[in-house]
């Protein structure tokens, strides 16, 4: 409970640890989504099924990335310096 309320036991993450993850995602997310699209649509020749799987996959990716950003903002005191590299 203290961690949620900013208590003294709240873990901290150094910007230097997070920066490579943020920059890596910012630099490759478009290519990654293109590759997901090619793989899914190539594997499921039924367009309706392929689009549904693609939609669910991209929704899950968005949920994970949003959760990642929330964790950075919560546990990385200097996260503002990363904002230019965060995909919003």
Protein backbone atom coordinates (compact mmCIF):
# COMPACT_ATOMS: atom_id res chain seq x y z
CA UNK A 1 0.00 0.00 0.00
CA UNK A 2 2.84 2.41 0.78
CA UNK A 3 4.26 1.91 -2.73
CA UNK A 4 0.99 3.10 -4.26
CA UNK A 5 0.84 6.14 -2.05
CA UNK A 6 4.42 7.27 -2.59
CA UNK A 7 5.71 5.78 0.64
CA UNK A 8 9.37 5.50 1.55
CA UNK A 9 9.48 1.87 0.39
CA UNK A 10 8.49 2.78 -3.17
CA UNK A 11 11.01 1.29 -5.62
CA UNK A 12 12.87 3.70 -7.86
CA UNK A 13 14.15 3.09 -11.37
CA UNK A 14 17.06 5.03 -12.82
CA UNK A 15 16.49 6.80 -16.16
CA UNK A 16 19.68 5.18 -17.49
CA UNK A 17 18.06 1.76 -17.05
CA UNK A 18 14.83 2.74 -18.78
CA UNK A 19 16.18 4.92 -21.62
CA UNK A 20 17.34 1.99 -23.85
CA UNK A 21 13.89 0.39 -23.62
CA UNK A 22 12.04 3.61 -24.44
CA UNK A 23 14.41 4.54 -27.29
CA UNK A 24 14.37 1.01 -28.69
CA UNK A 25 10.59 0.90 -28.78
CA UNK A 26 10.36 4.42 -30.25
CA UNK A 27 12.77 3.43 -33.01
CA UNK A 28 11.19 0.12 -33.97
CA UNK A 29 7.47 0.11 -33.18
CA UNK A 30 6.33 0.95 -36.72
CA UNK A 31 8.43 -1.80 -38.27
CA UNK A 32 7.26 -4.21 -35.58
CA UNK A 33 3.61 -3.50 -36.31
CA UNK A 34 4.23 -3.89 -40.04
CA UNK A 35 5.87 -7.26 -39.36
CA UNK A 36 2.99 -8.37 -37.15
CA UNK A 37 0.57 -7.40 -39.91
CA UNK A 38 2.51 -9.35 -42.55
CA UNK A 39 2.80 -12.43 -40.31
CA UNK A 40 -0.83 -12.48 -39.20
CA UNK A 41 -2.32 -11.78 -42.61
CA UNK A 42 0.04 -14.32 -44.19
CA UNK A 43 -0.93 -16.99 -41.70
CA UNK A 44 -4.68 -16.46 -41.83
CA UNK A 45 -5.99 -16.36 -45.35
CA UNK A 46 -9.52 -15.76 -44.12
CA UNK A 47 -9.48 -11.95 -44.05
CA UNK A 48 -12.08 -11.70 -41.28
CA UNK A 49 -10.15 -14.03 -38.96
CA UNK A 50 -6.85 -12.33 -39.77
CA UNK A 51 -8.23 -8.89 -39.03
CA UNK A 52 -9.74 -10.04 -35.73
CA UNK A 53 -6.45 -11.60 -34.62
CA UNK A 54 -4.55 -8.51 -35.73
CA UNK A 55 -6.96 -6.26 -33.81
CA UNK A 56 -6.59 -8.31 -30.64
CA UNK A 57 -2.81 -8.47 -30.98
CA UNK A 58 -2.46 -4.72 -31.44
CA UNK A 59 -4.87 -4.06 -28.58
CA UNK A 60 -2.74 -6.23 -26.31
CA UNK A 61 0.42 -4.43 -27.45
CA UNK A 62 -1.19 -1.10 -26.64
CA UNK A 63 -2.26 -2.32 -23.19
CA UNK A 64 1.27 -3.53 -22.38
CA UNK A 65 2.88 -0.32 -23.62
CA UNK A 66 0.43 1.83 -21.66
CA UNK A 67 1.18 -0.19 -18.54
CA UNK A 68 4.92 0.22 -19.22
CA UNK A 69 4.54 4.02 -19.50
CA UNK A 70 2.50 4.14 -16.29
CA UNK A 71 5.20 2.20 -14.45
CA UNK A 72 7.91 4.52 -15.75
CA UNK A 73 5.97 7.59 -14.64
CA UNK A 74 5.31 6.08 -11.23
CA UNK A 75 8.74 4.64 -10.39
CA UNK A 76 11.19 6.73 -12.39
CA UNK A 77 11.52 10.15 -10.75
CA UNK A 78 13.22 11.72 -13.79
CA UNK A 79 10.87 10.22 -16.40
CA UNK A 80 10.14 13.66 -17.89
CA UNK A 81 13.52 13.57 -19.68
CA UNK A 82 12.27 10.52 -21.60
CA UNK A 83 9.04 12.13 -22.79
CA UNK A 84 10.37 13.05 -26.25
CA UNK A 85 11.06 9.35 -26.93
CA UNK A 86 7.80 8.00 -25.54
CA UNK A 87 5.25 7.06 -28.18
CA UNK A 88 1.90 8.55 -27.22
